[in-house]
C-alpha atoms as a PDB file:
ATOM      1  CA  MET A   1     -15.066  39.370 -42.538  1.00  0.00           C
ATOM      2  CA  ALA A   2     -11.682  38.248 -41.273  1.00  0.00           C
ATOM      3  CA  ARG A   3     -11.036  38.315 -37.501  1.00  0.00           C
ATOM      4  CA  ARG A   4      -8.230  40.469 -36.374  1.00  0.00           C
ATOM      5  CA  SER A   5      -5.788  39.294 -33.740  1.00  0.00           C
ATOM      6  CA  THR A   6      -5.669  41.047 -30.408  1.00  0.00           C
ATOM      7  CA  LEU A   7      -2.149  42.256 -29.766  1.00  0.00           C
ATOM      8  CA  VAL A   8      -0.718  42.300 -26.273  1.00  0.00           C
ATOM      9  CA  ALA A   9       2.553  44.166 -25.860  1.00  0.00           C
ATOM     10  CA  VAL A  10       5.007  42.835 -23.326  1.00  0.00           C
ATOM     11  CA  ASP A  11       8.421  44.110 -22.340  1.00  0.00           C
ATOM     12  CA  THR A  12      11.685  42.385 -21.880  1.00  0.00           C
ATOM     13  CA  ASN A  13      11.171  42.075 -18.080  1.00  0.00           C
ATOM     14  CA  PHE A  14       8.114  39.978 -18.711  1.00  0.00           C
ATOM     15  CA  LEU A  15      10.071  37.737 -21.079  1.00  0.00           C
ATOM     16  CA  LEU A  16      12.762  37.314 -18.410  1.00  0.00           C
ATOM     17  CA  ASP A  17      10.009  36.293 -15.947  1.00  0.00           C
ATOM     18  CA  LEU A  18       8.874  33.632 -18.424  1.00  0.00           C
ATOM     19  CA  ALA A  19      12.472  32.379 -18.883  1.00  0.00           C
ATOM     20  CA  VAL A  20      12.853  31.815 -15.162  1.00  0.00           C
ATOM     21  CA  PRO A  21       9.953  29.759 -13.835  1.00  0.00           C
ATOM     22  CA  LYS A  22       7.543  32.295 -12.407  1.00  0.00           C
ATOM     23  CA  ASP A  23       4.019  31.010 -11.962  1.00  0.00           C
ATOM     24  CA  TRP A  24       2.320  34.373 -12.293  1.00  0.00           C
ATOM     25  CA  ALA A  25       3.886  35.061 -15.721  1.00  0.00           C
ATOM     26  CA  GLN A  26       2.859  31.757 -17.233  1.00  0.00           C
ATOM     27  CA  ASP A  27      -0.558  32.005 -15.587  1.00  0.00           C
ATOM     28  CA  LEU A  28      -1.046  35.422 -17.211  1.00  0.00           C
ATOM     29  CA  VAL A  29      -0.202  33.990 -20.706  1.00  0.00           C
ATOM     30  CA  ASP A  30      -2.544  31.014 -20.108  1.00  0.00           C
ATOM     31  CA  ASP A  31      -5.399  33.324 -18.996  1.00  0.00           C
ATOM     32  CA  PHE A  32      -5.023  35.495 -22.058  1.00  0.00           C
ATOM     33  CA  ARG A  33      -5.052  32.492 -24.352  1.00  0.00           C
ATOM     34  CA  GLU A  34      -8.218  31.137 -22.690  1.00  0.00           C
ATOM     35  CA  ARG A  35     -10.172  34.432 -22.536  1.00  0.00           C
ATOM     36  CA  VAL A  36      -9.066  36.388 -25.595  1.00  0.00           C
ATOM     37  CA  PRO A  37      -9.574  34.788 -29.011  1.00  0.00           C
ATOM     38  CA  GLU A  38      -6.631  34.953 -31.294  1.00  0.00           C
ATOM     39  CA  VAL A  39      -4.354  36.771 -28.876  1.00  0.00           C
ATOM     40  CA  GLU A  40      -0.789  37.492 -30.058  1.00  0.00           C
ATOM     41  CA  PHE A  41       2.003  38.672 -27.849  1.00  0.00           C
ATOM     42  CA  VAL A  42       4.421  41.195 -29.280  1.00  0.00           C
ATOM     43  CA  VAL A  43       7.667  42.638 -27.920  1.00  0.00           C
ATOM     44  CA  LEU A  44       8.231  46.266 -28.771  1.00  0.00           C
ATOM     45  CA  PRO A  45      11.732  47.287 -29.739  1.00  0.00           C
ATOM     46  CA  ARG A  46      11.970  49.925 -27.005  1.00  0.00           C
END
């Protein structure tokens, strides 16, 4: 059985926080990648 990715939806404000160095935003991404197997981040259109 194939494993399914875990999707995590983020909004544009989160992407802006990643663009400007913000430790908490990068720490959150790192924590998800460590704890959740096959995590994928998606940006919703609205």
